Amino acid sequence: MIERINLNITNLRKIIKWSSSRYNTQNKVEVIEEILYWIKKGEDMEVRFGTGSFAEKGNLVGRAYTLKIKNVKYFIILYPSDRKYELIKKN
């Protein structure tokens, strides 16, 4: 199932969980900025972002996110859950 959400910084902050570990090469703000950059560029592509482990509800977890752009549609796929979001761009 694909959840459709409006493309904006607030919604991206809600769905992207990121470790503040010093070992990460990017922080959450940089990841969101890069996602917005690729969407603005508008080319079909796929890029994966990985976060280190972080605590969520008492468990230590790690996540990866894939931004997929195809035919002017934008998707973020979360791993390992395979949850999918379609980002709806307002004109």
PDB file of N, CA and C in Angstrom:
ATOM      1  N   MET A   1       0.838  -1.184   0.000  1.00  0.00           N
ATOM      2  CA  MET A   1       0.000   0.000   0.000  1.00  0.00           C
ATOM      3  C   MET A   1       0.883   1.247   0.000  1.00  0.00           C
ATOM      4  N   ILE A   2       0.486   2.203  -0.790  1.00  0.00           N
ATOM      5  CA  ILE A   2       1.226   3.457  -0.881  1.00  0.00           C
ATOM      6  C   ILE A   2       0.410   4.556  -0.213  1.00  0.00           C
ATOM      7  N   GLU A   3       1.043   5.230   0.742  1.00  0.00           N
ATOM      8  CA  GLU A   3       0.401   6.359   1.409  1.00  0.00           C
ATOM      9  C   GLU A   3       0.768   7.634   0.659  1.00  0.00           C
ATOM     10  N   ARG A   4      -0.220   8.414   0.311  1.00  0.00           N
ATOM     11  CA  ARG A   4       0.018   9.666  -0.405  1.00  0.00           C
ATOM     12  C   ARG A   4       0.076  10.821   0.587  1.00  0.00           C
ATOM     13  N   ILE A   5       1.149  11.601   0.514  1.00  0.00           N
ATOM     14  CA  ILE A   5       1.299  12.759   1.398  1.00  0.00           C
ATOM     15  C   ILE A   5       1.751  13.957   0.567  1.00  0.00           C
ATOM     16  N   ASN A   6       1.418  15.142   1.059  1.00  0.00           N
ATOM     17  CA  ASN A   6       1.864  16.360   0.388  1.00  0.00           C
ATOM     18  C   ASN A   6       3.363  16.509   0.541  1.00  0.00           C
ATOM     19  N   LEU A   7       4.008  16.939  -0.515  1.00  0.00           N
ATOM     20  CA  LEU A   7       5.442  17.152  -0.502  1.00  0.00           C
ATOM     21  C   LEU A   7       5.740  18.490   0.158  1.00  0.00           C
ATOM     22  N   ASN A   8       6.239  18.426   1.379  1.00  0.00           N
ATOM     23  CA  ASN A   8       6.708  19.617   2.082  1.00  0.00           C
ATOM     24  C   ASN A   8       7.693  19.182   3.165  1.00  0.00           C
ATOM     25  N   ILE A   9       8.432  20.131   3.669  1.00  0.00           N
ATOM     26  CA  ILE A   9       9.478  19.832   4.647  1.00  0.00           C
ATOM     27  C   ILE A   9       8.889  19.210   5.907  1.00  0.00           C
ATOM     28  N   THR A  10       7.764  19.699   6.374  1.00  0.00           N
ATOM     29  CA  THR A  10       7.140  19.162   7.588  1.00  0.00           C
ATOM     30  C   THR A  10       6.835  17.679   7.446  1.00  0.00           C
ATOM     31  N   ASN A  11       6.228  17.283   6.335  1.00  0.00           N
ATOM     32  CA  ASN A  11       5.904  15.872   6.135  1.00  0.00           C
ATOM     33  C   ASN A  11       7.166  15.016   5.979  1.00  0.00           C
ATOM     34  N   LEU A  12       8.186  15.539   5.313  1.00  0.00           N
ATOM     35  CA  LEU A  12       9.439  14.788   5.199  1.00  0.00           C
ATOM     36  C   LEU A  12      10.067  14.576   6.578  1.00  0.00           C
ATOM     37  N   ARG A  13      10.017  15.582   7.421  1.00  0.00           N
ATOM     38  CA  ARG A  13      10.554  15.443   8.788  1.00  0.00           C
ATOM     39  C   ARG A  13       9.809  14.363   9.572  1.00  0.00           C
ATOM     40  N   LYS A  14       8.506  14.245   9.320  1.00  0.00           N
ATOM     41  CA  LYS A  14       7.705  13.249  10.040  1.00  0.00           C
ATOM     42  C   LYS A  14       8.047  11.821   9.635  1.00  0.00           C
ATOM     43  N   ILE A  15       8.303  11.591   8.353  1.00  0.00           N
ATOM     44  CA  ILE A  15       8.519  10.212   7.916  1.00  0.00           C
ATOM     45  C   ILE A  15       9.982   9.776   7.990  1.00  0.00           C
ATOM     46  N   ILE A  16      10.903  10.724   8.001  1.00  0.00           N
ATOM     47  CA  ILE A  16      12.322  10.357   8.039  1.00  0.00           C
ATOM     48  C   ILE A  16      12.825  10.410   9.471  1.00  0.00           C
ATOM     49  N   LYS A  17      13.247   9.260   9.956  1.00  0.00           N
ATOM     50  CA  LYS A  17      13.858   9.152  11.285  1.00  0.00           C
ATOM     51  C   LYS A  17      15.361   9.024  11.044  1.00  0.00           C
ATOM     52  N   TRP A  18      16.148   9.772  11.771  1.00  0.00           N
ATOM     53  CA  TRP A  18      17.573   9.804  11.492  1.00  0.00           C
ATOM     54  C   TRP A  18      18.369   9.805  12.785  1.00  0.00           C
ATOM     55  N   SER A  19      19.435   9.083  12.780  1.00  0.00           N
ATOM     56  CA  SER A  19      20.324   9.022  13.933  1.00  0.00           C
ATOM     57  C   SER A  19      21.176  10.288  13.986  1.00  0.00           C
ATOM     58  N   SER A  20      21.399  10.783  15.167  1.00  0.00           N
ATOM     59  CA  SER A  20      22.282  11.946  15.328  1.00  0.00           C
ATOM     60  C   SER A  20      23.724  11.498  15.570  1.00  0.00           C
ATOM     61  N   SER A  21      24.007  10.244  15.303  1.00  0.00           N
ATOM     62  CA  SER A  21      25.339   9.685  15.516  1.00  0.00           C
ATOM     63  C   SER A  21      26.399  10.482  14.771  1.00  0.00           C
ATOM     64  N   ARG A  22      27.509  10.673  15.409  1.00  0.00           N
ATOM     65  CA  ARG A  22      28.613  11.400  14.775  1.00  0.00           C
ATOM     66  C   ARG A  22      29.217  10.613  13.617  1.00  0.00           C
ATOM     67  N   TYR A  23      28.891   9.329  13.526  1.00  0.00           N
ATOM     68  CA  TYR A  23      29.429   8.488  12.460  1.00  0.00           C
ATOM     69  C   TYR A  23      28.654   8.604  11.153  1.00  0.00           C
ATOM     70  N   ASN A  24      27.480   9.207  11.193  1.00  0.00           N
ATOM     71  CA  ASN A  24      26.716   9.429   9.959  1.00  0.00           C
ATOM     72  C   ASN A  24      27.404  10.500   9.123  1.00  0.00           C
ATOM     73  N   THR A  25      27.388  10.323   7.825  1.00  0.00           N
ATOM     74  CA  THR A  25      27.999  11.314   6.944  1.00  0.00           C
ATOM     75  C   THR A  25      27.085  12.507   6.691  1.00  0.00           C
ATOM     76  N   GLN A  26      25.785  12.345   6.949  1.00  0.00           N
ATOM     77  CA  GLN A  26      24.814  13.422   6.788  1.00  0.00           C
ATOM     78  C   GLN A  26      23.913  13.476   8.013  1.00  0.00           C
ATOM     79  N   ASN A  27      23.381  14.669   8.278  1.00  0.00           N
ATOM     80  CA  ASN A  27      22.362  14.763   9.324  1.00  0.00           C
ATOM     81  C   ASN A  27      20.988  14.839   8.658  1.00  0.00           C
ATOM     82  N   LYS A  28      19.947  14.826   9.457  1.00  0.00           N
ATOM     83  CA  LYS A  28      18.576  14.766   8.941  1.00  0.00           C
ATOM     84  C   LYS A  28      18.257  15.954   8.028  1.00  0.00           C
ATOM     85  N   VAL A  29      18.668  17.137   8.415  1.00  0.00           N
ATOM     86  CA  VAL A  29      18.400  18.333   7.615  1.00  0.00           C
ATOM     87  C   VAL A  29      19.060  18.211   6.238  1.00  0.00           C
ATOM     88  N   GLU A  30      20.287  17.718   6.205  1.00  0.00           N
ATOM     89  CA  GLU A  30      20.993  17.556   4.930  1.00  0.00           C
ATOM     90  C   GLU A  30      20.307  16.523   4.033  1.00  0.00           C
ATOM     91  N   VAL A  31      19.804  15.451   4.626  1.00  0.00           N
ATOM     92  CA  VAL A  31      19.101  14.426   3.856  1.00  0.00           C
ATOM     93  C   VAL A  31      17.834  15.009   3.240  1.00  0.00           C
ATOM     94  N   ILE A  32      17.068  15.752   4.032  1.00  0.00           N
ATOM     95  CA  ILE A  32      15.840  16.365   3.522  1.00  0.00           C
ATOM     96  C   ILE A  32      16.172  17.364   2.415  1.00  0.00           C
ATOM     97  N   GLU A  33      17.229  18.151   2.599  1.00  0.00           N
ATOM     98  CA  GLU A  33      17.636  19.104   1.563  1.00  0.00           C
ATOM     99  C   GLU A  33      18.040  18.380   0.280  1.00  0.00           C
ATOM    100  N   GLU A  34      18.731  17.249   0.409  1.00  0.00           N
ATOM    101  CA  GLU A  34      19.128  16.493  -0.774  1.00  0.00           C
ATOM    102  C   GLU A  34      17.917  15.896  -1.491  1.00  0.00           C
ATOM    103  N   ILE A  35      16.956  15.397  -0.715  1.00  0.00           N
ATOM    104  CA  ILE A  35      15.720  14.875  -1.313  1.00  0.00           C
ATOM    105  C   ILE A  35      15.026  15.971  -2.106  1.00  0.00           C
ATOM    106  N   LEU A  36      14.902  17.157  -1.516  1.00  0.00           N
ATOM    107  CA  LEU A  36      14.253  18.281  -2.201  1.00  0.00           C
ATOM    108  C   LEU A  36      15.042  18.709  -3.437  1.00  0.00           C
ATOM    109  N   TYR A  37      16.367  18.643  -3.373  1.00  0.00           N
ATOM    110  CA  TYR A  37      17.202  18.967  -4.528  1.00  0.00           C
ATOM    111  C   TYR A  37      16.902  18.027  -5.693  1.00  0.00           C
ATOM    112  N   TRP A  38      16.879  16.707  -5.413  1.00  0.00           N
ATOM    113  CA  TRP A  38      16.635  15.735  -6.480  1.00  0.00           C
ATOM    114  C   TRP A  38      15.227  15.891  -7.065  1.00  0.00           C
ATOM    115  N   ILE A  39      14.264  16.175  -6.211  1.00  0.00           N
ATOM    116  CA  ILE A  39      12.901  16.377  -6.704  1.00  0.00           C
ATOM    117  C   ILE A  39      12.836  17.617  -7.593  1.00  0.00           C
ATOM    118  N   LYS A  40      13.491  18.686  -7.175  1.00  0.00           N
ATOM    119  CA  LYS A  40      13.500  19.913  -7.975  1.00  0.00           C
ATOM    120  C   LYS A  40      14.188  19.675  -9.322  1.00  0.00           C
ATOM    121  N   LYS A  41      15.240  18.868  -9.308  1.00  0.00           N
ATOM    122  CA  LYS A  41      15.947  18.559 -10.554  1.00  0.00           C
ATOM    123  C   LYS A  41      15.032  17.802 -11.520  1.00  0.00           C
ATOM    124  N   GLY A  42      14.199  16.918 -10.989  1.00  0.00           N
ATOM    125  CA  GLY A  42      13.136  16.300 -11.771  1.00  0.00           C
ATOM    126  C   GLY A  42      13.500  15.150 -12.689  1.00  0.00           C
ATOM    127  N   GLU A  43      14.724  14.681 -12.642  1.00  0.00           N
ATOM    128  CA  GLU A  43      15.126  13.571 -13.509  1.00  0.00           C
ATOM    129  C   GLU A  43      14.736  12.233 -12.885  1.00  0.00           C
ATOM    130  N   ASP A  44      14.400  11.264 -13.746  1.00  0.00           N
ATOM    131  CA  ASP A  44      14.142   9.910 -13.248  1.00  0.00           C
ATOM    132  C   ASP A  44      15.419   9.381 -12.611  1.00  0.00           C
ATOM    133  N   MET A  45      15.322   8.910 -11.403  1.00  0.00           N
ATOM    134  CA  MET A  45      16.492   8.414 -10.695  1.00  0.00           C
ATOM    135  C   MET A  45      16.078   7.682  -9.433  1.00  0.00           C
ATOM    136  N   GLU A  46      17.051   7.071  -8.775  1.00  0.00           N
ATOM    137  CA  GLU A  46      16.831   6.389  -7.506  1.00  0.00           C
ATOM    138  C   GLU A  46      18.086   6.583  -6.663  1.00  0.00           C
ATOM    139  N   VAL A  47      17.900   7.023  -5.420  1.00  0.00           N
ATOM    140  CA  VAL A  47      19.031   7.223  -4.509  1.00  0.00           C
ATOM    141  C   VAL A  47      18.642   6.683  -3.141  1.00  0.00           C
ATOM    142  N   ARG A  48      19.606   6.085  -2.459  1.00  0.00           N
ATOM    143  CA  ARG A  48      19.349   5.466  -1.153  1.00  0.00           C
ATOM    144  C   ARG A  48      20.108   6.220  -0.067  1.00  0.00           C
ATOM    145  N   PHE A  49      19.418   6.451   1.041  1.00  0.00           N
ATOM    146  CA  PHE A  49      20.009   7.097   2.209  1.00  0.00           C
ATOM    147  C   PHE A  49      19.947   6.107   3.361  1.00  0.00           C
ATOM    148  N   GLY A  50      21.034   5.954   4.082  1.00  0.00           N
ATOM    149  CA  GLY A  50      21.043   5.030   5.216  1.00  0.00           C
ATOM    150  C   GLY A  50      21.375   5.748   6.499  1.00  0.00           C
ATOM    151  N   THR A  51      20.673   5.407   7.555  1.00  0.00           N
ATOM    152  CA  THR A  51      20.944   5.982   8.868  1.00  0.00           C
ATOM    153  C   THR A  51      21.555   4.913   9.763  1.00  0.00           C
ATOM    154  N   GLY A  52      22.305   5.351  10.733  1.00  0.00           N
ATOM    155  CA  GLY A  52      22.826   4.417  11.719  1.00  0.00           C
ATOM    156  C   GLY A  52      21.720   3.993  12.667  1.00  0.00           C
ATOM    157  N   SER A  53      22.067   3.241  13.664  1.00  0.00           N
ATOM    158  CA  SER A  53      21.080   2.778  14.639  1.00  0.00           C
ATOM    159  C   SER A  53      20.611   3.925  15.518  1.00  0.00           C
ATOM    160  N   PHE A  54      19.332   3.873  15.893  1.00  0.00           N
ATOM    161  CA  PHE A  54      18.777   4.846  16.823  1.00  0.00           C
ATOM    162  C   PHE A  54      17.681   4.177  17.633  1.00  0.00           C
ATOM    163  N   ALA A  55      17.362   4.771  18.761  1.00  0.00           N
ATOM    164  CA  ALA A  55      16.345   4.191  19.642  1.00  0.00           C
ATOM    165  C   ALA A  55      14.962   4.657  19.217  1.00  0.00           C
ATOM    166  N   GLU A  56      14.044   3.677  19.124  1.00  0.00           N
ATOM    167  CA  GLU A  56      12.654   3.988  18.816  1.00  0.00           C
ATOM    168  C   GLU A  56      11.779   3.043  19.622  1.00  0.00           C
ATOM    169  N   LYS A  57      10.973   3.612  20.520  1.00  0.00           N
ATOM    170  CA  LYS A  57      10.076   2.832  21.376  1.00  0.00           C
ATOM    171  C   LYS A  57      10.845   1.743  22.132  1.00  0.00           C
ATOM    172  N   GLY A  58      12.023   2.092  22.627  1.00  0.00           N
ATOM    173  CA  GLY A  58      12.794   1.164  23.449  1.00  0.00           C
ATOM    174  C   GLY A  58      13.616   0.153  22.674  1.00  0.00           C
ATOM    175  N   ASN A  59      13.570   0.194  21.346  1.00  0.00           N
ATOM    176  CA  ASN A  59      14.339  -0.736  20.526  1.00  0.00           C
ATOM    177  C   ASN A  59      15.388   0.016  19.727  1.00  0.00           C
ATOM    178  N   LEU A  60      16.507  -0.650  19.500  1.00  0.00           N
ATOM    179  CA  LEU A  60      17.559  -0.076  18.677  1.00  0.00           C
ATOM    180  C   LEU A  60      17.322  -0.523  17.233  1.00  0.00           C
ATOM    181  N   VAL A  61      17.120   0.436  16.334  1.00  0.00           N
ATOM    182  CA  VAL A  61      16.796   0.110  14.946  1.00  0.00           C
ATOM    183  C   VAL A  61      17.683   0.909  13.996  1.00  0.00           C
ATOM    184  N   GLY A  62      17.762   0.448  12.775  1.00  0.00           N
ATOM    185  CA  GLY A  62      18.443   1.160  11.705  1.00  0.00           C
ATOM    186  C   GLY A  62      17.503   1.205  10.527  1.00  0.00           C
ATOM    187  N   ARG A  63      17.619   2.213   9.713  1.00  0.00           N
ATOM    188  CA  ARG A  63      16.713   2.354   8.576  1.00  0.00           C
ATOM    189  C   ARG A  63      17.478   2.804   7.351  1.00  0.00           C
ATOM    190  N   ALA A  64      16.858   2.545   6.231  1.00  0.00           N
ATOM    191  CA  ALA A  64      17.325   3.086   4.958  1.00  0.00           C
ATOM    192  C   ALA A  64      16.105   3.626   4.226  1.00  0.00           C
ATOM    193  N   TYR A  65      16.336   4.635   3.446  1.00  0.00           N
ATOM    194  CA  TYR A  65      15.280   5.277   2.674  1.00  0.00           C
ATOM    195  C   TYR A  65      15.723   5.333   1.220  1.00  0.00           C
ATOM    196  N   THR A  66      14.810   5.040   0.327  1.00  0.00           N
ATOM    197  CA  THR A  66      15.092   5.187  -1.094  1.00  0.00           C
ATOM    198  C   THR A  66      14.147   6.233  -1.662  1.00  0.00           C
ATOM    199  N   LEU A  67      14.721   7.222  -2.321  1.00  0.00           N
ATOM    200  CA  LEU A  67      13.942   8.196  -3.063  1.00  0.00           C
ATOM    201  C   LEU A  67      13.922   7.714  -4.500  1.00  0.00           C
ATOM    202  N   LYS A  68      12.746   7.540  -5.039  1.00  0.00           N
ATOM    203  CA  LYS A  68      12.594   7.075  -6.416  1.00  0.00           C
ATOM    204  C   LYS A  68      11.764   8.101  -7.180  1.00  0.00           C
ATOM    205  N   ILE A  69      12.328   8.580  -8.282  1.00  0.00           N
ATOM    206  CA  ILE A  69      11.620   9.527  -9.142  1.00  0.00           C
ATOM    207  C   ILE A  69      11.452   8.860 -10.497  1.00  0.00           C
ATOM    208  N   LYS A  70      10.201   8.747 -10.924  1.00  0.00           N
ATOM    209  CA  LYS A  70       9.911   8.103 -12.213  1.00  0.00           C
ATOM    210  C   LYS A  70       8.689   8.767 -12.827  1.00  0.00           C
ATOM    211  N   ASN A  71       8.838   9.253 -14.043  1.00  0.00           N
ATOM    212  CA  ASN A  71       7.735   9.885 -14.775  1.00  0.00           C
ATOM    213  C   ASN A  71       7.049  10.988 -13.963  1.00  0.00           C
ATOM    214  N   VAL A  72       7.837  11.851 -13.370  1.00  0.00           N
ATOM    215  CA  VAL A  72       7.365  12.986 -12.577  1.00  0.00           C
ATOM    216  C   VAL A  72       6.515  12.542 -11.382  1.00  0.00           C
ATOM    217  N   LYS A  73       6.760  11.349 -10.860  1.00  0.00           N
ATOM    218  CA  LYS A  73       6.160  10.881  -9.614  1.00  0.00           C
ATOM    219  C   LYS A  73       7.296  10.652  -8.639  1.00  0.00           C
ATOM    220  N   TYR A  74       7.028  10.951  -7.368  1.00  0.00           N
ATOM    221  CA  TYR A  74       8.067  10.918  -6.345  1.00  0.00           C
ATOM    222  C   TYR A  74       7.654   9.945  -5.247  1.00  0.00           C
ATOM    223  N   PHE A  75       8.566   9.039  -4.903  1.00  0.00           N
ATOM    224  CA  PHE A  75       8.277   8.040  -3.877  1.00  0.00           C
ATOM    225  C   PHE A  75       9.431   7.974  -2.884  1.00  0.00           C
ATOM    226  N   ILE A  76       9.084   7.737  -1.627  1.00  0.00           N
ATOM    227  CA  ILE A  76      10.078   7.388  -0.613  1.00  0.00           C
ATOM    228  C   ILE A  76       9.681   6.020  -0.089  1.00  0.00           C
ATOM    229  N   ILE A  77      10.648   5.109  -0.099  1.00  0.00           N
ATOM    230  CA  ILE A  77      10.430   3.744   0.362  1.00  0.00           C
ATOM    231  C   ILE A  77      11.304   3.524   1.585  1.00  0.00           C
ATOM    232  N   LEU A  78      10.690   3.064   2.684  1.00  0.00           N
ATOM    233  CA  LEU A  78      11.417   2.817   3.925  1.00  0.00           C
ATOM    234  C   LEU A  78      11.803   1.350   4.005  1.00  0.00           C
ATOM    235  N   TYR A  79      13.030   1.098   4.405  1.00  0.00           N
ATOM    236  CA  TYR A  79      13.496  -0.267   4.637  1.00  0.00           C
ATOM    237  C   TYR A  79      13.897  -0.381   6.094  1.00  0.00           C
ATOM    238  N   PRO A  80      13.669  -1.445   6.775  1.00  0.00           N
ATOM    239  CA  PRO A  80      13.267  -2.743   6.266  1.00  0.00           C
ATOM    240  C   PRO A  80      11.755  -2.947   6.145  1.00  0.00           C
ATOM    241  N   SER A  81      10.944  -1.960   6.464  1.00  0.00           N
ATOM    242  CA  SER A  81       9.482  -2.164   6.490  1.00  0.00           C
ATOM    243  C   SER A  81       8.828  -2.173   5.110  1.00  0.00           C
ATOM    244  N   ASP A  82       9.498  -1.668   4.095  1.00  0.00           N
ATOM    245  CA  ASP A  82       8.938  -1.526   2.750  1.00  0.00           C
ATOM    246  C   ASP A  82       7.708  -0.624   2.704  1.00  0.00           C
ATOM    247  N   ARG A  83       7.573   0.249   3.681  1.00  0.00           N
ATOM    248  CA  ARG A  83       6.482   1.222   3.661  1.00  0.00           C
ATOM    249  C   ARG A  83       6.769   2.239   2.561  1.00  0.00           C
ATOM    250  N   LYS A  84       5.744   2.603   1.797  1.00  0.00           N
ATOM    251  CA  LYS A  84       5.935   3.493   0.651  1.00  0.00           C
ATOM    252  C   LYS A  84       5.074   4.736   0.779  1.00  0.00           C
ATOM    253  N   TYR A  85       5.677   5.847   0.422  1.00  0.00           N
ATOM    254  CA  TYR A  85       4.974   7.127   0.394  1.00  0.00           C
ATOM    255  C   TYR A  85       5.085   7.717  -1.002  1.00  0.00           C
ATOM    256  N   GLU A  86       3.980   8.196  -1.548  1.00  0.00           N
ATOM    257  CA  GLU A  86       4.035   8.984  -2.771  1.00  0.00           C
ATOM    258  C   GLU A  86       3.949  10.438  -2.351  1.00  0.00           C
ATOM    259  N   LEU A  87       4.899  11.221  -2.798  1.00  0.00           N
ATOM    260  CA  LEU A  87       4.953  12.627  -2.435  1.00  0.00           C
ATOM    261  C   LEU A  87       4.206  13.416  -3.508  1.00  0.00           C
ATOM    262  N   ILE A  88       3.164  14.104  -3.094  1.00  0.00           N
ATOM    263  CA  ILE A  88       2.309  14.851  -4.012  1.00  0.00           C
ATOM    264  C   ILE A  88       2.780  16.305  -4.033  1.00  0.00           C
ATOM    265  N   LYS A  89       3.222  16.727  -5.200  1.00  0.00           N
ATOM    266  CA  LYS A  89       3.742  18.083  -5.365  1.00  0.00           C
ATOM    267  C   LYS A  89       2.607  19.009  -5.768  1.00  0.00           C
ATOM    268  N   LYS A  90       2.399  20.057  -4.977  1.00  0.00           N
ATOM    269  CA  LYS A  90       1.367  21.046  -5.309  1.00  0.00           C
ATOM    270  C   LYS A  90       1.941  22.041  -6.306  1.00  0.00           C
ATOM    271  N   ASN A  91       1.136  22.429  -7.250  1.00  0.00           N
ATOM    272  CA  ASN A  91       1.594  23.400  -8.265  1.00  0.00           C
ATOM    273  C   ASN A  91       1.367  24.808  -7.829  1.00  0.00           C
TER     274      ASN A  91
END
